C-alpha atoms as a PDB file:
ATOM      1  CA  MET A   1     100.129 100.151  93.744  1.00  0.00           C
ATOM      2  CA  LYS A   2      98.577  96.969  95.086  1.00  0.00           C
ATOM      3  CA  THR A   3      94.854  96.892  95.674  1.00  0.00           C
ATOM      4  CA  LEU A   4      93.194  95.196  98.627  1.00  0.00           C
ATOM      5  CA  LEU A   5      89.549  94.265  99.052  1.00  0.00           C
ATOM      6  CA  VAL A   6      88.195  94.552 102.571  1.00  0.00           C
ATOM      7  CA  VAL A   7      84.892  92.796 103.079  1.00  0.00           C
ATOM      8  CA  GLY A   8      82.930  94.849 105.592  1.00  0.00           C
ATOM      9  CA  ALA A   9      83.274  98.494 106.400  1.00  0.00           C
ATOM     10  CA  SER A  10      81.780  98.630 109.884  1.00  0.00           C
ATOM     11  CA  PRO A  11      83.735 100.031 112.855  1.00  0.00           C
ATOM     12  CA  ASN A  12      85.317  96.600 113.270  1.00  0.00           C
ATOM     13  CA  GLN A  13      86.978  96.740 109.879  1.00  0.00           C
ATOM     14  CA  VAL A  14      88.146 100.371 110.165  1.00  0.00           C
ATOM     15  CA  PRO A  15      91.562  99.443 111.687  1.00  0.00           C
ATOM     16  CA  ALA A  16      92.304  97.063 108.782  1.00  0.00           C
ATOM     17  CA  ILE A  17      91.212  99.657 106.246  1.00  0.00           C
ATOM     18  CA  ARG A  18      93.328 102.376 107.812  1.00  0.00           C
ATOM     19  CA  VAL A  19      96.472 100.241 108.263  1.00  0.00           C
ATOM     20  CA  ALA A  20      96.234  98.925 104.682  1.00  0.00           C
ATOM     21  CA  GLY A  21      96.074 102.515 103.421  1.00  0.00           C
ATOM     22  CA  GLU A  22      98.993 103.526 105.600  1.00  0.00           C
ATOM     23  CA  LEU A  23     100.968 100.634 104.142  1.00  0.00           C
ATOM     24  CA  GLY A  24     100.368 101.966 100.637  1.00  0.00           C
ATOM     25  CA  TYR A  25      97.538  99.756  99.471  1.00  0.00           C
ATOM     26  CA  GLU A  26      94.652 101.082  97.454  1.00  0.00           C
ATOM     27  CA  VAL A  27      91.674  99.914  99.540  1.00  0.00           C
ATOM     28  CA  VAL A  28      88.295  98.842  98.185  1.00  0.00           C
ATOM     29  CA  ALA A  29      85.821  98.351 101.041  1.00  0.00           C
ATOM     30  CA  VAL A  30      82.542  96.635 100.429  1.00  0.00           C
ATOM     31  CA  ASP A  31      79.504  96.524 102.706  1.00  0.00           C
ATOM     32  CA  VAL A  32      75.736  96.082 102.445  1.00  0.00           C
ATOM     33  CA  ASN A  33      75.244  99.255 104.519  1.00  0.00           C
ATOM     34  CA  SER A  34      75.476 102.394 102.402  1.00  0.00           C
ATOM     35  CA  ASP A  35      76.305 104.408 105.542  1.00  0.00           C
ATOM     36  CA  ALA A  36      79.198 102.159 106.623  1.00  0.00           C
ATOM     37  CA  VAL A  37      81.776 104.238 108.519  1.00  0.00           C
ATOM     38  CA  GLY A  38      84.729 102.421 106.886  1.00  0.00           C
ATOM     39  CA  PHE A  39      83.918 103.914 103.488  1.00  0.00           C
ATOM     40  CA  GLN A  40      85.370 107.239 104.615  1.00  0.00           C
ATOM     41  CA  TYR A  41      88.768 105.611 105.196  1.00  0.00           C
ATOM     42  CA  ALA A  42      88.862 103.535 102.004  1.00  0.00           C
ATOM     43  CA  ASP A  43      89.951 104.740  98.570  1.00  0.00           C
ATOM     44  CA  HIS A  44      86.757 103.168  97.175  1.00  0.00           C
ATOM     45  CA  GLY A  45      83.592 102.295  99.097  1.00  0.00           C
ATOM     46  CA  GLU A  46      81.180 100.044  97.324  1.00  0.00           C
ATOM     47  CA  VAL A  47      77.714  99.075  98.509  1.00  0.00           C
ATOM     48  CA  VAL A  48      77.048  95.444  97.650  1.00  0.00           C
ATOM     49  CA  SER A  49      73.730  93.723  97.282  1.00  0.00           C
ATOM     50  CA  ASN A  50      72.434  90.941  99.420  1.00  0.00           C
ATOM     51  CA  ASP A  51      74.215  88.643  96.968  1.00  0.00           C
ATOM     52  CA  VAL A  52      77.452  89.688  98.641  1.00  0.00           C
ATOM     53  CA  VAL A  53      79.640  86.886  97.284  1.00  0.00           C
ATOM     54  CA  ASN A  54      78.936  87.499  93.599  1.00  0.00           C
ATOM     55  CA  SER A  55      79.011  91.282  94.047  1.00  0.00           C
ATOM     56  CA  ALA A  56      82.372  91.076  95.796  1.00  0.00           C
ATOM     57  CA  VAL A  57      83.807  88.827  93.099  1.00  0.00           C
ATOM     58  CA  ASP A  58      82.604  91.148  90.360  1.00  0.00           C
ATOM     59  CA  LEU A  59      84.072  94.224  92.119  1.00  0.00           C
ATOM     60  CA  SER A  60      87.325  92.396  92.740  1.00  0.00           C
ATOM     61  CA  ARG A  61      87.647  91.764  89.026  1.00  0.00           C
ATOM     62  CA  GLN A  62      86.687  95.381  88.263  1.00  0.00           C
ATOM     63  CA  TYR A  63      89.348  96.775  90.620  1.00  0.00           C
ATOM     64  CA  ASP A  64      91.872  94.043  89.791  1.00  0.00           C
ATOM     65  CA  VAL A  65      92.509  93.325  93.469  1.00  0.00           C
ATOM     66  CA  ASP A  66      95.706  91.673  94.670  1.00  0.00           C
ATOM     67  CA  GLY A  67      94.279  90.406  97.967  1.00  0.00           C
ATOM     68  CA  ALA A  68      91.141  90.107 100.049  1.00  0.00           C
ATOM     69  CA  LEU A  69      90.449  90.036 103.778  1.00  0.00           C
ATOM     70  CA  THR A  70      87.945  90.710 106.483  1.00  0.00           C
ATOM     71  CA  MET A  71      88.526  91.544 110.091  1.00  0.00           C
ATOM     72  CA  ALA A  72      86.467  90.837 113.219  1.00  0.00           C
ATOM     73  CA  ALA A  73      83.558  89.471 111.152  1.00  0.00           C
ATOM     74  CA  ASP A  74      83.237  85.790 110.557  1.00  0.00           C
ATOM     75  CA  ILE A  75      80.311  86.463 108.249  1.00  0.00           C
ATOM     76  CA  GLY A  76      82.756  87.891 105.694  1.00  0.00           C
ATOM     77  CA  VAL A  77      85.049  84.818 105.590  1.00  0.00           C
ATOM     78  CA  PRO A  78      83.061  82.884 102.908  1.00  0.00           C
ATOM     79  CA  THR A  79      83.049  86.004 100.699  1.00  0.00           C
ATOM     80  CA  VAL A  80      86.803  86.457 101.096  1.00  0.00           C
ATOM     81  CA  ALA A  81      87.343  82.773 100.345  1.00  0.00           C
ATOM     82  CA  ALA A  82      85.220  82.973  97.210  1.00  0.00           C
ATOM     83  CA  VAL A  83      87.068  86.064  95.946  1.00  0.00           C
ATOM     84  CA  ARG A  84      90.406  84.422  96.547  1.00  0.00           C
ATOM     85  CA  ALA A  85      89.349  81.202  94.796  1.00  0.00           C
ATOM     86  CA  GLU A  86      87.793  82.984  91.796  1.00  0.00           C
ATOM     87  CA  LEU A  87      90.813  85.260  91.269  1.00  0.00           C
ATOM     88  CA  GLY A  88      93.490  82.664  92.151  1.00  0.00           C
ATOM     89  CA  LEU A  89      94.684  84.688  95.127  1.00  0.00           C
ATOM     90  CA  PRO A  90      96.576  83.170  98.071  1.00  0.00           C
ATOM     91  CA  GLY A  91      94.807  82.426 101.302  1.00  0.00           C
ATOM     92  CA  VAL A  92      92.009  80.343 102.741  1.00  0.00           C
ATOM     93  CA  GLY A  93      89.687  78.979 100.040  1.00  0.00           C
ATOM     94  CA  PRO A  94      86.069  77.888 100.223  1.00  0.00           C
ATOM     95  CA  GLU A  95      87.000  74.357 101.352  1.00  0.00           C
END
């Protein structure tokens, strides 16, 4: 099974989390809010510190993710780019 990191677990990310699960991905959702609604739809919900980028990279290594994304939240784009760059995953990089 492929594992997908979703940066953000607010109501805006719930559709991405749900669809990824329906497509057969194991979903790891990360958010700074411990009460984020998206955690209930993910296989793994992880609260990250204010150092979101490094926390997300560390968790991506821990879960051996195959991809990373965010949805409807521009604030998550730098984190997704850093994860992709650090793990050599395809997609938009930090540049």
